[in-house]
Amino acid sequence: MQQIIDVLKTLRINPINEEFDLQAEIEKLLIAAGITHERECYLGRGNRVDFLTSNDGIAIEVKKGKPNKMQAISQLRRYSEFDRVKGIILVIEKNMDIPKILNGKPCVSLGLNKLWGIAL
């Protein structure tokens, strides 16, 4: 999981309007780092995570703007219930505190504004 976090911390992009564009930039980083993954990975009914790494089962969920915190945590909790998911990384514009463990699986939030030292 740490390798993926380190790769994601290198993300530097111009301001974007769409979550899809942010996902595309993240996918470029994953490919360049040789991290195999499935995009828009179907976990189960009503549960499709933005990325799931192939080798270690790390779910990467991308959020633009400032989503509802309780809804975001609920979504991550659902993902953590799947056996394929071994850990979760939330990539979000504005940092959001999330539980460090959900269903026994590590969870990390990477706020892009915090990484870049700016307020978006």
N, C-alpha and C. Protein backbone atom coordinates (compact mmCIF):
# COMPACT_ATOMS: atom_id res chain seq x y z
N MET A 1 0.83 -1.20 0.00
CA MET A 1 0.00 0.00 0.00
C MET A 1 0.88 1.26 0.00
N GLN A 2 1.99 1.19 0.70
CA GLN A 2 2.86 2.37 0.79
C GLN A 2 3.41 2.77 -0.57
N GLN A 3 3.74 1.78 -1.41
CA GLN A 3 4.24 2.10 -2.75
C GLN A 3 3.20 2.90 -3.53
N ILE A 4 1.95 2.52 -3.42
CA ILE A 4 0.88 3.21 -4.14
C ILE A 4 0.71 4.62 -3.59
N ILE A 5 0.75 4.75 -2.28
CA ILE A 5 0.65 6.08 -1.65
C ILE A 5 1.79 6.97 -2.15
N ASP A 6 3.00 6.43 -2.16
CA ASP A 6 4.15 7.22 -2.62
C ASP A 6 3.98 7.67 -4.06
N VAL A 7 3.45 6.80 -4.91
CA VAL A 7 3.21 7.16 -6.31
C VAL A 7 2.15 8.26 -6.39
N LEU A 8 1.06 8.10 -5.65
CA LEU A 8 -0.01 9.09 -5.69
C LEU A 8 0.44 10.45 -5.16
N LYS A 9 1.37 10.46 -4.23
CA LYS A 9 1.87 11.72 -3.68
C LYS A 9 2.65 12.53 -4.71
N THR A 10 3.03 11.92 -5.82
CA THR A 10 3.76 12.65 -6.86
C THR A 10 2.81 13.37 -7.82
N LEU A 11 1.52 13.18 -7.66
CA LEU A 11 0.54 13.77 -8.57
C LEU A 11 0.61 15.30 -8.54
N ARG A 12 0.81 15.88 -9.69
CA ARG A 12 0.82 17.33 -9.86
C ARG A 12 0.03 17.64 -11.13
N ILE A 13 -1.06 18.36 -10.97
CA ILE A 13 -1.90 18.68 -12.13
C ILE A 13 -2.39 20.11 -12.05
N ASN A 14 -2.80 20.61 -13.19
CA ASN A 14 -3.45 21.91 -13.23
C ASN A 14 -4.87 21.76 -12.71
N PRO A 15 -5.51 22.86 -12.32
CA PRO A 15 -6.90 22.75 -11.87
C PRO A 15 -7.77 22.04 -12.91
N ILE A 16 -8.64 21.18 -12.43
CA ILE A 16 -9.52 20.42 -13.32
C ILE A 16 -10.96 20.61 -12.89
N ASN A 17 -11.86 20.37 -13.83
CA ASN A 17 -13.28 20.53 -13.54
C ASN A 17 -13.99 19.22 -13.27
N GLU A 18 -13.48 18.14 -13.82
CA GLU A 18 -14.19 16.87 -13.76
C GLU A 18 -13.41 15.81 -13.00
N GLU A 19 -14.12 15.02 -12.22
CA GLU A 19 -13.52 13.91 -11.49
C GLU A 19 -12.88 12.92 -12.46
N PHE A 20 -13.51 12.73 -13.62
CA PHE A 20 -12.98 11.82 -14.63
C PHE A 20 -11.56 12.21 -15.04
N ASP A 21 -11.30 13.52 -15.16
CA ASP A 21 -9.96 13.99 -15.55
C ASP A 21 -8.94 13.66 -14.47
N LEU A 22 -9.33 13.81 -13.22
CA LEU A 22 -8.44 13.46 -12.11
C LEU A 22 -8.14 11.96 -12.12
N GLN A 23 -9.16 11.16 -12.38
CA GLN A 23 -8.96 9.71 -12.48
C GLN A 23 -7.99 9.37 -13.61
N ALA A 24 -8.11 10.06 -14.72
CA ALA A 24 -7.23 9.80 -15.87
C ALA A 24 -5.77 10.09 -15.51
N GLU A 25 -5.54 11.17 -14.77
CA GLU A 25 -4.18 11.51 -14.35
C GLU A 25 -3.63 10.47 -13.37
N ILE A 26 -4.48 10.00 -12.48
CA ILE A 26 -4.06 8.96 -11.53
C ILE A 26 -3.73 7.68 -12.29
N GLU A 27 -4.54 7.35 -13.27
CA GLU A 27 -4.26 6.13 -14.04
C GLU A 27 -2.92 6.23 -14.76
N LYS A 28 -2.59 7.39 -15.29
CA LYS A 28 -1.28 7.57 -15.94
C LYS A 28 -0.15 7.29 -14.96
N LEU A 29 -0.29 7.79 -13.73
CA LEU A 29 0.73 7.54 -12.71
C LEU A 29 0.86 6.06 -12.39
N LEU A 30 -0.27 5.39 -12.23
CA LEU A 30 -0.24 3.96 -11.91
C LEU A 30 0.45 3.16 -13.02
N ILE A 31 0.11 3.49 -14.26
CA ILE A 31 0.72 2.79 -15.40
C ILE A 31 2.22 3.06 -15.45
N ALA A 32 2.61 4.32 -15.28
CA ALA A 32 4.04 4.68 -15.33
C ALA A 32 4.82 3.97 -14.22
N ALA A 33 4.18 3.73 -13.09
CA ALA A 33 4.84 3.06 -11.96
C ALA A 33 4.77 1.54 -12.06
N GLY A 34 4.11 1.04 -13.10
CA GLY A 34 4.00 -0.40 -13.28
C GLY A 34 3.03 -1.06 -12.32
N ILE A 35 2.08 -0.30 -11.82
CA ILE A 35 1.08 -0.84 -10.89
C ILE A 35 -0.13 -1.28 -11.70
N THR A 36 -0.32 -2.59 -11.81
CA THR A 36 -1.45 -3.11 -12.58
C THR A 36 -2.72 -2.91 -11.77
N HIS A 37 -3.79 -2.61 -12.49
CA HIS A 37 -5.03 -2.24 -11.81
C HIS A 37 -6.21 -2.44 -12.76
N GLU A 38 -7.38 -2.41 -12.17
CA GLU A 38 -8.61 -2.40 -12.94
C GLU A 38 -9.32 -1.09 -12.63
N ARG A 39 -9.72 -0.40 -13.69
CA ARG A 39 -10.43 0.87 -13.50
C ARG A 39 -11.92 0.60 -13.48
N GLU A 40 -12.64 1.37 -12.65
CA GLU A 40 -14.09 1.18 -12.48
C GLU A 40 -14.37 -0.30 -12.18
N CYS A 41 -13.72 -0.79 -11.16
CA CYS A 41 -13.78 -2.21 -10.81
C CYS A 41 -15.08 -2.54 -10.09
N TYR A 42 -15.81 -3.47 -10.65
CA TYR A 42 -17.07 -3.93 -10.07
C TYR A 42 -16.75 -4.87 -8.91
N LEU A 43 -17.18 -4.48 -7.71
CA LEU A 43 -16.96 -5.31 -6.52
C LEU A 43 -18.19 -6.16 -6.21
N GLY A 44 -19.34 -5.60 -6.48
CA GLY A 44 -20.61 -6.26 -6.20
C GLY A 44 -21.73 -5.28 -6.47
N ARG A 45 -22.94 -5.74 -6.35
CA ARG A 45 -24.10 -4.91 -6.67
C ARG A 45 -24.01 -3.54 -5.98
N GLY A 46 -24.04 -2.50 -6.79
CA GLY A 46 -24.02 -1.13 -6.28
C GLY A 46 -22.67 -0.67 -5.77
N ASN A 47 -21.61 -1.42 -6.05
CA ASN A 47 -20.28 -1.08 -5.55
C ASN A 47 -19.25 -1.20 -6.66
N ARG A 48 -18.82 -0.04 -7.14
CA ARG A 48 -17.83 0.04 -8.22
C ARG A 48 -16.78 1.06 -7.79
N VAL A 49 -15.58 0.56 -7.46
CA VAL A 49 -14.51 1.44 -7.00
C VAL A 49 -13.75 1.98 -8.21
N ASP A 50 -13.21 3.18 -8.09
CA ASP A 50 -12.53 3.82 -9.22
C ASP A 50 -11.35 2.99 -9.72
N PHE A 51 -10.53 2.46 -8.80
CA PHE A 51 -9.40 1.60 -9.16
C PHE A 51 -9.26 0.51 -8.12
N LEU A 52 -8.85 -0.67 -8.57
CA LEU A 52 -8.45 -1.74 -7.65
C LEU A 52 -7.15 -2.31 -8.19
N THR A 53 -6.09 -2.24 -7.38
CA THR A 53 -4.81 -2.76 -7.84
C THR A 53 -4.87 -4.28 -7.90
N SER A 54 -4.22 -4.82 -8.91
CA SER A 54 -4.33 -6.25 -9.19
C SER A 54 -3.58 -7.12 -8.20
N ASN A 55 -2.37 -6.73 -7.84
CA ASN A 55 -1.52 -7.59 -7.03
C ASN A 55 -1.86 -7.57 -5.54
N ASP A 56 -2.23 -6.41 -5.02
CA ASP A 56 -2.42 -6.32 -3.58
C ASP A 56 -3.80 -5.87 -3.13
N GLY A 57 -4.73 -5.71 -4.06
CA GLY A 57 -6.11 -5.43 -3.69
C GLY A 57 -6.35 -4.10 -3.01
N ILE A 58 -5.60 -3.08 -3.41
CA ILE A 58 -5.80 -1.75 -2.83
C ILE A 58 -6.83 -1.00 -3.66
N ALA A 59 -7.91 -0.60 -3.01
CA ALA A 59 -8.96 0.19 -3.66
C ALA A 59 -8.56 1.66 -3.60
N ILE A 60 -8.70 2.34 -4.72
CA ILE A 60 -8.44 3.78 -4.78
C ILE A 60 -9.73 4.45 -5.21
N GLU A 61 -10.26 5.28 -4.33
CA GLU A 61 -11.49 6.02 -4.62
C GLU A 61 -11.12 7.49 -4.78
N VAL A 62 -11.61 8.11 -5.84
CA VAL A 62 -11.27 9.49 -6.18
C VAL A 62 -12.50 10.36 -6.00
N LYS A 63 -12.33 11.47 -5.28
CA LYS A 63 -13.43 12.42 -5.07
C LYS A 63 -12.94 13.83 -5.39
N LYS A 64 -13.71 14.53 -6.19
CA LYS A 64 -13.41 15.93 -6.50
C LYS A 64 -14.28 16.81 -5.61
N GLY A 65 -13.76 17.96 -5.28
CA GLY A 65 -14.53 18.88 -4.44
C GLY A 65 -14.57 18.39 -3.00
N LYS A 66 -15.66 18.70 -2.33
CA LYS A 66 -15.81 18.30 -0.93
C LYS A 66 -17.10 17.51 -0.79
N PRO A 67 -17.02 16.20 -0.93
CA PRO A 67 -18.23 15.38 -0.81
C PRO A 67 -18.70 15.30 0.63
N ASN A 68 -19.92 14.85 0.81
CA ASN A 68 -20.47 14.62 2.14
C ASN A 68 -19.62 13.57 2.85
N LYS A 69 -19.10 13.93 4.01
CA LYS A 69 -18.18 13.05 4.73
C LYS A 69 -18.82 11.73 5.11
N MET A 70 -20.02 11.75 5.64
CA MET A 70 -20.67 10.51 6.08
C MET A 70 -20.96 9.59 4.89
N GLN A 71 -21.37 10.18 3.77
CA GLN A 71 -21.62 9.37 2.57
C GLN A 71 -20.32 8.75 2.05
N ALA A 72 -19.25 9.52 2.07
CA ALA A 72 -17.96 9.01 1.59
C ALA A 72 -17.48 7.86 2.48
N ILE A 73 -17.58 8.03 3.79
CA ILE A 73 -17.15 6.97 4.72
C ILE A 73 -18.03 5.74 4.55
N SER A 74 -19.32 5.94 4.37
CA SER A 74 -20.23 4.82 4.15
C SER A 74 -19.84 4.04 2.89
N GLN A 75 -19.48 4.76 1.84
CA GLN A 75 -19.05 4.13 0.60
C GLN A 75 -17.77 3.33 0.82
N LEU A 76 -16.80 3.92 1.51
CA LEU A 76 -15.55 3.22 1.78
C LEU A 76 -15.78 1.99 2.66
N ARG A 77 -16.67 2.12 3.62
CA ARG A 77 -17.01 0.99 4.49
C ARG A 77 -17.58 -0.17 3.67
N ARG A 78 -18.46 0.16 2.73
CA ARG A 78 -19.02 -0.89 1.86
C ARG A 78 -17.90 -1.59 1.08
N TYR A 79 -16.99 -0.81 0.52
CA TYR A 79 -15.88 -1.39 -0.23
C TYR A 79 -15.05 -2.31 0.66
N SER A 80 -14.86 -1.91 1.91
CA SER A 80 -14.01 -2.69 2.82
C SER A 80 -14.62 -4.04 3.17
N GLU A 81 -15.89 -4.23 2.90
CA GLU A 81 -16.56 -5.50 3.20
C GLU A 81 -16.24 -6.58 2.17
N PHE A 82 -15.63 -6.21 1.05
CA PHE A 82 -15.33 -7.18 0.01
C PHE A 82 -13.95 -7.81 0.24
N ASP A 83 -13.88 -9.12 0.07
CA ASP A 83 -12.63 -9.85 0.29
C ASP A 83 -11.51 -9.39 -0.63
N ARG A 84 -11.86 -8.97 -1.84
CA ARG A 84 -10.84 -8.52 -2.81
C ARG A 84 -10.12 -7.27 -2.35
N VAL A 85 -10.78 -6.48 -1.51
CA VAL A 85 -10.22 -5.22 -1.04
C VAL A 85 -9.41 -5.48 0.23
N LYS A 86 -8.12 -5.16 0.17
CA LYS A 86 -7.22 -5.36 1.31
C LYS A 86 -6.87 -4.05 2.01
N GLY A 87 -7.12 -2.93 1.34
CA GLY A 87 -6.86 -1.61 1.88
C GLY A 87 -7.51 -0.58 0.97
N ILE A 88 -7.67 0.65 1.49
CA ILE A 88 -8.37 1.70 0.74
C ILE A 88 -7.59 3.00 0.82
N ILE A 89 -7.47 3.65 -0.34
CA ILE A 89 -6.88 4.99 -0.40
C ILE A 89 -7.94 5.92 -1.00
N LEU A 90 -8.27 6.97 -0.26
CA LEU A 90 -9.18 8.00 -0.75
C LEU A 90 -8.34 9.16 -1.25
N VAL A 91 -8.46 9.47 -2.53
CA VAL A 91 -7.77 10.63 -3.11
C VAL A 91 -8.83 11.70 -3.28
N ILE A 92 -8.60 12.83 -2.62
CA ILE A 92 -9.63 13.86 -2.55
C ILE A 92 -8.98 15.23 -2.65
N GLU A 93 -9.68 16.20 -3.21
CA GLU A 93 -9.10 17.54 -3.35
C GLU A 93 -8.80 18.16 -1.99
N LYS A 94 -9.81 18.24 -1.16
CA LYS A 94 -9.64 18.85 0.17
C LYS A 94 -9.60 17.74 1.19
N ASN A 95 -8.57 17.75 2.02
CA ASN A 95 -8.35 16.66 2.96
C ASN A 95 -9.59 16.36 3.78
N MET A 96 -9.83 15.06 4.01
CA MET A 96 -10.97 14.61 4.80
C MET A 96 -10.46 13.55 5.78
N ASP A 97 -10.79 13.72 7.03
CA ASP A 97 -10.44 12.70 8.02
C ASP A 97 -11.38 11.52 7.86
N ILE A 98 -10.78 10.34 7.72
CA ILE A 98 -11.55 9.11 7.63
C ILE A 98 -10.97 8.13 8.65
N PRO A 99 -11.73 7.11 9.02
CA PRO A 99 -11.18 6.12 9.95
C PRO A 99 -9.92 5.47 9.37
N LYS A 100 -8.95 5.21 10.23
CA LYS A 100 -7.70 4.58 9.78
C LYS A 100 -7.88 3.10 9.47
N ILE A 101 -8.94 2.51 10.02
CA ILE A 101 -9.25 1.09 9.80
C ILE A 101 -10.75 0.97 9.56
N LEU A 102 -11.12 0.24 8.52
CA LEU A 102 -12.53 -0.10 8.27
C LEU A 102 -12.60 -1.61 8.05
N ASN A 103 -13.37 -2.28 8.87
CA ASN A 103 -13.50 -3.74 8.77
C ASN A 103 -12.13 -4.43 8.78
N GLY A 104 -11.23 -3.91 9.60
CA GLY A 104 -9.91 -4.52 9.74
C GLY A 104 -8.94 -4.21 8.61
N LYS A 105 -9.32 -3.29 7.73
CA LYS A 105 -8.47 -2.96 6.57
C LYS A 105 -7.99 -1.52 6.67
N PRO A 106 -6.71 -1.28 6.36
CA PRO A 106 -6.18 0.08 6.48
C PRO A 106 -6.80 1.03 5.46
N CYS A 107 -7.02 2.26 5.92
CA CYS A 107 -7.59 3.32 5.08
C CYS A 107 -6.75 4.58 5.23
N VAL A 108 -6.49 5.23 4.11
CA VAL A 108 -5.70 6.45 4.10
C VAL A 108 -6.39 7.47 3.22
N SER A 109 -6.39 8.72 3.67
CA SER A 109 -6.92 9.82 2.87
C SER A 109 -5.75 10.68 2.40
N LEU A 110 -5.68 10.93 1.09
CA LEU A 110 -4.66 11.81 0.53
C LEU A 110 -5.35 13.05 0.00
N GLY A 111 -5.25 14.14 0.73
CA GLY A 111 -5.81 15.41 0.29
C GLY A 111 -4.83 16.11 -0.63
N LEU A 112 -5.24 16.35 -1.86
CA LEU A 112 -4.34 16.97 -2.84
C LEU A 112 -3.90 18.36 -2.39
N ASN A 113 -4.80 19.13 -1.79
CA ASN A 113 -4.41 20.46 -1.34
C ASN A 113 -3.33 20.38 -0.27
N LYS A 114 -3.40 19.38 0.60
CA LYS A 114 -2.38 19.20 1.64
C LYS A 114 -1.05 18.78 1.02
N LEU A 115 -1.11 17.90 0.03
CA LEU A 115 0.11 17.45 -0.64
C LEU A 115 0.82 18.62 -1.31
N TRP A 116 0.04 19.51 -1.90
CA TRP A 116 0.61 20.62 -2.65
C TRP A 116 0.87 21.85 -1.80
N GLY A 117 0.36 21.84 -0.56
CA GLY A 117 0.55 22.98 0.32
C GLY A 117 -0.23 24.21 -0.10
N ILE A 118 -1.39 23.99 -0.74
CA ILE A 118 -2.23 25.10 -1.18
C ILE A 118 -3.66 24.84 -0.79
N ALA A 119 -4.45 25.87 -0.80
CA ALA A 119 -5.88 25.74 -0.54
C ALA A 119 -6.60 25.78 -1.87
N LEU A 120 -7.30 24.70 -2.18
CA LEU A 120 -8.05 24.64 -3.44
C LEU A 120 -9.48 25.08 -3.21
